[in-house]
């Protein structure tokens, strides 16, 4: 899989064939899952904007990153206002 430099990724441990996971492995998998759910919800919140979700055809350098940053900023703004009421 893709793993940039200076980044550590975590994968859940699969159950061995014919055996069970140890309680420690289950605890680690639950922790990884709880973090992953929050990340997936954040990505889904940014994908509300069609420019992020649909096929992107603009080839200007750095524009894709800027679009994603703006979408994430708008998602964060929406979260700030929805929880403050």
PDB file of N, CA and C in Angstrom:
ATOM      1  N   UNK A   1       0.803  -1.179   0.000  1.00  0.00           N
ATOM      2  CA  UNK A   1       0.000   0.000   0.000  1.00  0.00           C
ATOM      3  C   UNK A   1       0.855   1.257   0.000  1.00  0.00           C
ATOM      4  N   UNK A   2       0.206   2.383  -0.073  1.00  0.00           N
ATOM      5  CA  UNK A   2       0.867   3.683  -0.121  1.00  0.00           C
ATOM      6  C   UNK A   2       1.206   4.132   1.287  1.00  0.00           C
ATOM      7  N   UNK A   3       2.474   4.422   1.539  1.00  0.00           N
ATOM      8  CA  UNK A   3       2.904   4.927   2.840  1.00  0.00           C
ATOM      9  C   UNK A   3       4.015   5.953   2.616  1.00  0.00           C
ATOM     10  N   UNK A   4       3.677   7.252   2.714  1.00  0.00           N
ATOM     11  CA  UNK A   4       4.692   8.285   2.510  1.00  0.00           C
ATOM     12  C   UNK A   4       5.784   8.216   3.578  1.00  0.00           C
ATOM     13  N   UNK A   5       6.913   8.890   3.307  1.00  0.00           N
ATOM     14  CA  UNK A   5       7.996   8.947   4.284  1.00  0.00           C
ATOM     15  C   UNK A   5       7.512   9.614   5.563  1.00  0.00           C
ATOM     16  N   UNK A   6       8.057   9.192   6.681  1.00  0.00           N
ATOM     17  CA  UNK A   6       7.766   9.754   8.002  1.00  0.00           C
ATOM     18  C   UNK A   6       6.302   9.600   8.411  1.00  0.00           C
ATOM     19  N   UNK A   7       5.606   8.609   7.848  1.00  0.00           N
ATOM     20  CA  UNK A   7       4.215   8.356   8.212  1.00  0.00           C
ATOM     21  C   UNK A   7       4.092   6.887   8.600  1.00  0.00           C
ATOM     22  N   UNK A   8       3.451   6.628   9.717  1.00  0.00           N
ATOM     23  CA  UNK A   8       3.239   5.254  10.170  1.00  0.00           C
ATOM     24  C   UNK A   8       1.770   4.909   9.993  1.00  0.00           C
ATOM     25  N   UNK A   9       1.504   3.846   9.259  1.00  0.00           N
ATOM     26  CA  UNK A   9       0.126   3.397   9.072  1.00  0.00           C
ATOM     27  C   UNK A   9      -0.132   2.180   9.950  1.00  0.00           C
ATOM     28  N   UNK A  10      -1.384   2.002  10.343  1.00  0.00           N
ATOM     29  CA  UNK A  10      -1.773   0.890  11.191  1.00  0.00           C
ATOM     30  C   UNK A  10      -2.843   0.077  10.506  1.00  0.00           C
ATOM     31  N   UNK A  11      -2.650  -1.224  10.458  1.00  0.00           N
ATOM     32  CA  UNK A  11      -3.610  -2.142   9.863  1.00  0.00           C
ATOM     33  C   UNK A  11      -4.162  -3.044  10.959  1.00  0.00           C
ATOM     34  N   UNK A  12      -5.461  -3.347  10.934  1.00  0.00           N
ATOM     35  CA  UNK A  12      -5.987  -4.288  11.920  1.00  0.00           C
ATOM     36  C   UNK A  12      -5.425  -5.687  11.680  1.00  0.00           C
ATOM     37  N   UNK A  13      -5.320  -6.450  12.737  1.00  0.00           N
ATOM     38  CA  UNK A  13      -4.807  -7.812  12.633  1.00  0.00           C
ATOM     39  C   UNK A  13      -5.935  -8.738  12.214  1.00  0.00           C
ATOM     40  N   UNK A  14      -5.672  -9.569  11.212  1.00  0.00           N
ATOM     41  CA  UNK A  14      -6.673 -10.521  10.752  1.00  0.00           C
ATOM     42  C   UNK A  14      -6.688 -11.742  11.657  1.00  0.00           C
ATOM     43  N   UNK A  15      -7.848 -12.355  11.756  1.00  0.00           N
ATOM     44  CA  UNK A  15      -7.974 -13.573  12.542  1.00  0.00           C
ATOM     45  C   UNK A  15      -7.267 -14.710  11.801  1.00  0.00           C
ATOM     46  N   UNK A  16      -6.377 -15.435  12.486  1.00  0.00           N
ATOM     47  CA  UNK A  16      -5.729 -16.570  11.828  1.00  0.00           C
ATOM     48  C   UNK A  16      -6.745 -17.674  11.514  1.00  0.00           C
ATOM     49  N   UNK A  17      -6.509 -18.382  10.452  1.00  0.00           N
ATOM     50  CA  UNK A  17      -7.430 -19.433  10.040  1.00  0.00           C
ATOM     51  C   UNK A  17      -7.524 -20.510  11.133  1.00  0.00           C
ATOM     52  N   UNK A  18      -8.737 -20.786  11.560  1.00  0.00           N
ATOM     53  CA  UNK A  18      -8.970 -21.827  12.552  1.00  0.00           C
ATOM     54  C   UNK A  18      -8.616 -21.440  13.976  1.00  0.00           C
ATOM     55  N   UNK A  19      -8.236 -20.198  14.211  1.00  0.00           N
ATOM     56  CA  UNK A  19      -7.863 -19.750  15.553  1.00  0.00           C
ATOM     57  C   UNK A  19      -8.657 -18.499  15.904  1.00  0.00           C
ATOM     58  N   UNK A  20      -8.430 -17.991  17.118  1.00  0.00           N
ATOM     59  CA  UNK A  20      -9.088 -16.772  17.559  1.00  0.00           C
ATOM     60  C   UNK A  20      -8.043 -15.695  17.800  1.00  0.00           C
ATOM     61  N   UNK A  21      -8.493 -14.443  17.737  1.00  0.00           N
ATOM     62  CA  UNK A  21      -7.614 -13.331  18.072  1.00  0.00           C
ATOM     63  C   UNK A  21      -7.444 -13.247  19.582  1.00  0.00           C
ATOM     64  N   UNK A  22      -6.282 -12.805  20.013  1.00  0.00           N
ATOM     65  CA  UNK A  22      -6.052 -12.608  21.435  1.00  0.00           C
ATOM     66  C   UNK A  22      -6.818 -11.369  21.899  1.00  0.00           C
ATOM     67  N   UNK A  23      -7.109 -11.264  23.184  1.00  0.00           N
ATOM     68  CA  UNK A  23      -7.785 -10.057  23.682  1.00  0.00           C
ATOM     69  C   UNK A  23      -6.994  -8.776  23.375  1.00  0.00           C
ATOM     70  N   UNK A  24      -5.662  -8.865  23.404  1.00  0.00           N
ATOM     71  CA  UNK A  24      -4.824  -7.701  23.077  1.00  0.00           C
ATOM     72  C   UNK A  24      -5.005  -7.297  21.613  1.00  0.00           C
ATOM     73  N   UNK A  25      -5.050  -8.275  20.698  1.00  0.00           N
ATOM     74  CA  UNK A  25      -5.265  -7.977  19.275  1.00  0.00           C
ATOM     75  C   UNK A  25      -6.651  -7.368  19.051  1.00  0.00           C
ATOM     76  N   UNK A  26      -7.657  -7.884  19.777  1.00  0.00           N
ATOM     77  CA  UNK A  26      -9.005  -7.322  19.651  1.00  0.00           C
ATOM     78  C   UNK A  26      -9.041  -5.881  20.135  1.00  0.00           C
ATOM     79  N   UNK A  27      -8.325  -5.598  21.217  1.00  0.00           N
ATOM     80  CA  UNK A  27      -8.282  -4.234  21.751  1.00  0.00           C
ATOM     81  C   UNK A  27      -7.626  -3.294  20.748  1.00  0.00           C
ATOM     82  N   UNK A  28      -6.510  -3.738  20.150  1.00  0.00           N
ATOM     83  CA  UNK A  28      -5.824  -2.906  19.148  1.00  0.00           C
ATOM     84  C   UNK A  28      -6.711  -2.679  17.923  1.00  0.00           C
ATOM     85  N   UNK A  29      -7.404  -3.725  17.467  1.00  0.00           N
ATOM     86  CA  UNK A  29      -8.292  -3.589  16.314  1.00  0.00           C
ATOM     87  C   UNK A  29      -9.421  -2.604  16.600  1.00  0.00           C
ATOM     88  N   UNK A  30      -9.960  -2.635  17.818  1.00  0.00           N
ATOM     89  CA  UNK A  30     -11.033  -1.719  18.185  1.00  0.00           C
ATOM     90  C   UNK A  30     -10.530  -0.275  18.193  1.00  0.00           C
ATOM     91  N   UNK A  31      -9.303  -0.061  18.690  1.00  0.00           N
ATOM     92  CA  UNK A  31      -8.719   1.278  18.691  1.00  0.00           C
ATOM     93  C   UNK A  31      -8.510   1.780  17.261  1.00  0.00           C
ATOM     94  N   UNK A  32      -7.952   0.935  16.405  1.00  0.00           N
ATOM     95  CA  UNK A  32      -7.736   1.309  15.000  1.00  0.00           C
ATOM     96  C   UNK A  32      -9.073   1.619  14.337  1.00  0.00           C
ATOM     97  N   UNK A  33     -10.094   0.807  14.612  1.00  0.00           N
ATOM     98  CA  UNK A  33     -11.405   1.003  14.015  1.00  0.00           C
ATOM     99  C   UNK A  33     -12.040   2.316  14.458  1.00  0.00           C
ATOM    100  N   UNK A  34     -11.906   2.651  15.739  1.00  0.00           N
ATOM    101  CA  UNK A  34     -12.526   3.888  16.226  1.00  0.00           C
ATOM    102  C   UNK A  34     -11.870   5.116  15.608  1.00  0.00           C
ATOM    103  N   UNK A  35     -10.571   5.052  15.375  1.00  0.00           N
ATOM    104  CA  UNK A  35      -9.871   6.164  14.713  1.00  0.00           C
ATOM    105  C   UNK A  35     -10.261   6.229  13.236  1.00  0.00           C
ATOM    106  N   UNK A  36     -10.326   5.058  12.578  1.00  0.00           N
ATOM    107  CA  UNK A  36     -10.644   5.006  11.156  1.00  0.00           C
ATOM    108  C   UNK A  36     -12.034   5.557  10.875  1.00  0.00           C
ATOM    109  N   UNK A  37     -13.005   5.280  11.748  1.00  0.00           N
ATOM    110  CA  UNK A  37     -14.371   5.761  11.547  1.00  0.00           C
ATOM    111  C   UNK A  37     -14.406   7.279  11.545  1.00  0.00           C
ATOM    112  N   UNK A  38     -13.683   7.898  12.463  1.00  0.00           N
ATOM    113  CA  UNK A  38     -13.650   9.370  12.512  1.00  0.00           C
ATOM    114  C   UNK A  38     -13.044   9.949  11.238  1.00  0.00           C
ATOM    115  N   UNK A  39     -11.984   9.311  10.744  1.00  0.00           N
ATOM    116  CA  UNK A  39     -11.333   9.779   9.524  1.00  0.00           C
ATOM    117  C   UNK A  39     -12.267   9.618   8.327  1.00  0.00           C
ATOM    118  N   UNK A  40     -12.941   8.471   8.241  1.00  0.00           N
ATOM    119  CA  UNK A  40     -13.862   8.246   7.122  1.00  0.00           C
ATOM    120  C   UNK A  40     -15.033   9.225   7.148  1.00  0.00           C
ATOM    121  N   UNK A  41     -15.525   9.579   8.331  1.00  0.00           N
ATOM    122  CA  UNK A  41     -16.603  10.558   8.420  1.00  0.00           C
ATOM    123  C   UNK A  41     -16.125  11.932   7.986  1.00  0.00           C
ATOM    124  N   UNK A  42     -14.883  12.289   8.314  1.00  0.00           N
ATOM    125  CA  UNK A  42     -14.339  13.582   7.890  1.00  0.00           C
ATOM    126  C   UNK A  42     -14.190  13.640   6.372  1.00  0.00           C
ATOM    127  N   UNK A  43     -13.694  12.556   5.783  1.00  0.00           N
ATOM    128  CA  UNK A  43     -13.556  12.509   4.319  1.00  0.00           C
ATOM    129  C   UNK A  43     -14.937  12.590   3.665  1.00  0.00           C
ATOM    130  N   UNK A  44     -15.910  11.875   4.218  1.00  0.00           N
ATOM    131  CA  UNK A  44     -17.272  11.934   3.697  1.00  0.00           C
ATOM    132  C   UNK A  44     -17.873  13.320   3.810  1.00  0.00           C
ATOM    133  N   UNK A  45     -17.543  14.033   4.900  1.00  0.00           N
ATOM    134  CA  UNK A  45     -18.036  15.398   5.069  1.00  0.00           C
ATOM    135  C   UNK A  45     -17.472  16.337   4.024  1.00  0.00           C
ATOM    136  N   UNK A  46     -16.221  16.124   3.626  1.00  0.00           N
ATOM    137  CA  UNK A  46     -15.617  16.956   2.582  1.00  0.00           C
ATOM    138  C   UNK A  46     -16.192  16.596   1.210  1.00  0.00           C
ATOM    139  N   UNK A  47     -16.595  15.335   1.032  1.00  0.00           N
ATOM    140  CA  UNK A  47     -17.122  14.899  -0.261  1.00  0.00           C
ATOM    141  C   UNK A  47     -18.559  15.358  -0.508  1.00  0.00           C
ATOM    142  N   UNK A  48     -19.131  16.099   0.427  1.00  0.00           N
ATOM    143  CA  UNK A  48     -20.439  16.706   0.199  1.00  0.00           C
ATOM    144  C   UNK A  48     -20.337  17.681  -0.972  1.00  0.00           C
ATOM    145  N   UNK A  49     -19.180  18.273  -1.126  1.00  0.00           N
ATOM    146  CA  UNK A  49     -18.952  19.241  -2.196  1.00  0.00           C
ATOM    147  C   UNK A  49     -18.626  18.494  -3.487  1.00  0.00           C
ATOM    148  N   UNK A  50     -19.371  18.799  -4.537  1.00  0.00           N
ATOM    149  CA  UNK A  50     -19.246  18.064  -5.797  1.00  0.00           C
ATOM    150  C   UNK A  50     -17.856  18.175  -6.409  1.00  0.00           C
ATOM    151  N   UNK A  51     -17.164  19.277  -6.195  1.00  0.00           N
ATOM    152  CA  UNK A  51     -15.848  19.439  -6.798  1.00  0.00           C
ATOM    153  C   UNK A  51     -14.867  18.413  -6.241  1.00  0.00           C
ATOM    154  N   UNK A  52     -15.092  17.953  -5.029  1.00  0.00           N
ATOM    155  CA  UNK A  52     -14.234  16.930  -4.426  1.00  0.00           C
ATOM    156  C   UNK A  52     -14.672  15.544  -4.861  1.00  0.00           C
ATOM    157  N   UNK A  53     -15.961  15.335  -4.964  1.00  0.00           N
ATOM    158  CA  UNK A  53     -16.510  14.013  -5.227  1.00  0.00           C
ATOM    159  C   UNK A  53     -16.433  13.619  -6.697  1.00  0.00           C
ATOM    160  N   UNK A  54     -16.655  14.567  -7.603  1.00  0.00           N
ATOM    161  CA  UNK A  54     -16.740  14.254  -9.027  1.00  0.00           C
ATOM    162  C   UNK A  54     -15.361  14.231  -9.680  1.00  0.00           C
ATOM    163  N   UNK A  55     -15.333  13.820 -10.941  1.00  0.00           N
ATOM    164  CA  UNK A  55     -14.085  13.789 -11.709  1.00  0.00           C
ATOM    165  C   UNK A  55     -13.571  15.212 -11.861  1.00  0.00           C
ATOM    166  N   UNK A  56     -12.316  15.403 -11.564  1.00  0.00           N
ATOM    167  CA  UNK A  56     -11.701  16.730 -11.578  1.00  0.00           C
ATOM    168  C   UNK A  56     -10.878  16.890 -12.841  1.00  0.00           C
ATOM    169  N   UNK A  57     -11.172  17.912 -13.652  1.00  0.00           N
ATOM    170  CA  UNK A  57     -10.527  18.039 -14.955  1.00  0.00           C
ATOM    171  C   UNK A  57      -9.595  19.229 -15.067  1.00  0.00           C
ATOM    172  N   UNK A  58      -9.386  19.969 -13.995  1.00  0.00           N
ATOM    173  CA  UNK A  58      -8.488  21.117 -14.041  1.00  0.00           C
ATOM    174  C   UNK A  58      -7.071  20.627 -13.768  1.00  0.00           C
ATOM    175  N   UNK A  59      -6.121  20.986 -14.609  1.00  0.00           N
ATOM    176  CA  UNK A  59      -4.767  20.467 -14.480  1.00  0.00           C
ATOM    177  C   UNK A  59      -3.776  21.524 -14.012  1.00  0.00           C
ATOM    178  N   UNK A  60      -4.252  22.582 -13.376  1.00  0.00           N
ATOM    179  CA  UNK A  60      -3.334  23.591 -12.867  1.00  0.00           C
ATOM    180  C   UNK A  60      -2.580  23.028 -11.669  1.00  0.00           C
ATOM    181  N   UNK A  61      -1.294  23.330 -11.603  1.00  0.00           N
ATOM    182  CA  UNK A  61      -0.445  22.788 -10.549  1.00  0.00           C
ATOM    183  C   UNK A  61      -0.895  23.304  -9.174  1.00  0.00           C
ATOM    184  N   UNK A  62      -1.061  22.379  -8.226  1.00  0.00           N
ATOM    185  CA  UNK A  62      -1.422  22.728  -6.863  1.00  0.00           C
ATOM    186  C   UNK A  62      -2.888  23.037  -6.643  1.00  0.00           C
ATOM    187  N   UNK A  63      -3.684  23.021  -7.699  1.00  0.00           N
ATOM    188  CA  UNK A  63      -5.087  23.396  -7.572  1.00  0.00           C
ATOM    189  C   UNK A  63      -5.908  22.304  -6.891  1.00  0.00           C
ATOM    190  N   UNK A  64      -5.565  21.028  -7.157  1.00  0.00           N
ATOM    191  CA  UNK A  64      -6.292  19.925  -6.523  1.00  0.00           C
ATOM    192  C   UNK A  64      -6.163  19.991  -5.009  1.00  0.00           C
ATOM    193  N   UNK A  65      -4.947  20.243  -4.521  1.00  0.00           N
ATOM    194  CA  UNK A  65      -4.728  20.338  -3.079  1.00  0.00           C
ATOM    195  C   UNK A  65      -5.502  21.506  -2.487  1.00  0.00           C
ATOM    196  N   UNK A  66      -5.524  22.623  -3.192  1.00  0.00           N
ATOM    197  CA  UNK A  66      -6.226  23.796  -2.703  1.00  0.00           C
ATOM    198  C   UNK A  66      -7.731  23.520  -2.620  1.00  0.00           C
ATOM    199  N   UNK A  67      -8.270  22.825  -3.601  1.00  0.00           N
ATOM    200  CA  UNK A  67      -9.695  22.489  -3.597  1.00  0.00           C
ATOM    201  C   UNK A  67     -10.019  21.616  -2.382  1.00  0.00           C
ATOM    202  N   UNK A  68      -9.174  20.618  -2.109  1.00  0.00           N
ATOM    203  CA  UNK A  68      -9.417  19.731  -0.969  1.00  0.00           C
ATOM    204  C   UNK A  68      -9.276  20.493   0.347  1.00  0.00           C
ATOM    205  N   UNK A  69      -8.295  21.382   0.444  1.00  0.00           N
ATOM    206  CA  UNK A  69      -8.117  22.179   1.661  1.00  0.00           C
ATOM    207  C   UNK A  69      -9.329  23.074   1.920  1.00  0.00           C
ATOM    208  N   UNK A  70      -9.852  23.684   0.864  1.00  0.00           N
ATOM    209  CA  UNK A  70     -11.031  24.550   1.015  1.00  0.00           C
ATOM    210  C   UNK A  70     -12.244  23.722   1.434  1.00  0.00           C
ATOM    211  N   UNK A  71     -12.420  22.545   0.810  1.00  0.00           N
ATOM    212  CA  UNK A  71     -13.553  21.684   1.165  1.00  0.00           C
ATOM    213  C   UNK A  71     -13.451  21.228   2.622  1.00  0.00           C
ATOM    214  N   UNK A  72     -12.248  20.890   3.068  1.00  0.00           N
ATOM    215  CA  UNK A  72     -12.059  20.469   4.464  1.00  0.00           C
ATOM    216  C   UNK A  72     -12.296  21.642   5.411  1.00  0.00           C
ATOM    217  N   UNK A  73     -11.853  22.823   5.020  1.00  0.00           N
ATOM    218  CA  UNK A  73     -12.097  24.007   5.843  1.00  0.00           C
ATOM    219  C   UNK A  73     -13.578  24.310   5.969  1.00  0.00           C
ATOM    220  N   UNK A  74     -14.316  24.192   4.869  1.00  0.00           N
ATOM    221  CA  UNK A  74     -15.759  24.419   4.919  1.00  0.00           C
ATOM    222  C   UNK A  74     -16.458  23.353   5.768  1.00  0.00           C
ATOM    223  N   UNK A  75     -15.988  22.119   5.674  1.00  0.00           N
ATOM    224  CA  UNK A  75     -16.557  21.047   6.503  1.00  0.00           C
ATOM    225  C   UNK A  75     -16.311  21.341   7.988  1.00  0.00           C
ATOM    226  N   UNK A  76     -15.101  21.774   8.322  1.00  0.00           N
ATOM    227  CA  UNK A  76     -14.788  22.116   9.716  1.00  0.00           C
ATOM    228  C   UNK A  76     -15.629  23.296  10.198  1.00  0.00           C
ATOM    229  N   UNK A  77     -15.827  24.286   9.332  1.00  0.00           N
ATOM    230  CA  UNK A  77     -16.665  25.436   9.688  1.00  0.00           C
ATOM    231  C   UNK A  77     -18.092  24.991   9.965  1.00  0.00           C
ATOM    232  N   UNK A  78     -18.596  24.096   9.114  1.00  0.00           N
ATOM    233  CA  UNK A  78     -19.949  23.568   9.309  1.00  0.00           C
ATOM    234  C   UNK A  78     -20.051  22.829  10.644  1.00  0.00           C
ATOM    235  N   UNK A  79     -19.020  22.051  10.997  1.00  0.00           N
ATOM    236  CA  UNK A  79     -19.019  21.344  12.279  1.00  0.00           C
ATOM    237  C   UNK A  79     -18.990  22.312  13.455  1.00  0.00           C
ATOM    238  N   UNK A  80     -18.174  23.358  13.338  1.00  0.00           N
ATOM    239  CA  UNK A  80     -18.090  24.349  14.426  1.00  0.00           C
ATOM    240  C   UNK A  80     -19.445  25.005  14.688  1.00  0.00           C
ATOM    241  N   UNK A  81     -20.172  25.321  13.631  1.00  0.00           N
ATOM    242  CA  UNK A  81     -21.460  25.989  13.805  1.00  0.00           C
ATOM    243  C   UNK A  81     -22.569  25.027  14.195  1.00  0.00           C
ATOM    244  N   UNK A  82     -22.459  23.763  13.797  1.00  0.00           N
ATOM    245  CA  UNK A  82     -23.532  22.821  14.136  1.00  0.00           C
ATOM    246  C   UNK A  82     -23.457  22.387  15.593  1.00  0.00           C
ATOM    247  N   UNK A  83     -22.264  22.378  16.193  1.00  0.00           N
ATOM    248  CA  UNK A  83     -22.121  21.966  17.593  1.00  0.00           C
ATOM    249  C   UNK A  83     -22.213  23.136  18.561  1.00  0.00           C
ATOM    250  N   UNK A  84     -22.076  24.355  18.075  1.00  0.00           N
ATOM    251  CA  UNK A  84     -22.089  25.498  18.985  1.00  0.00           C
ATOM    252  C   UNK A  84     -23.510  25.944  19.341  1.00  0.00           C
ATOM    253  N   UNK A  85     -24.517  25.494  18.584  1.00  0.00           N
ATOM    254  CA  UNK A  85     -25.878  25.937  18.869  1.00  0.00           C
ATOM    255  C   UNK A  85     -26.501  25.209  20.021  1.00  0.00           C
TER     256      UNK A  85
END
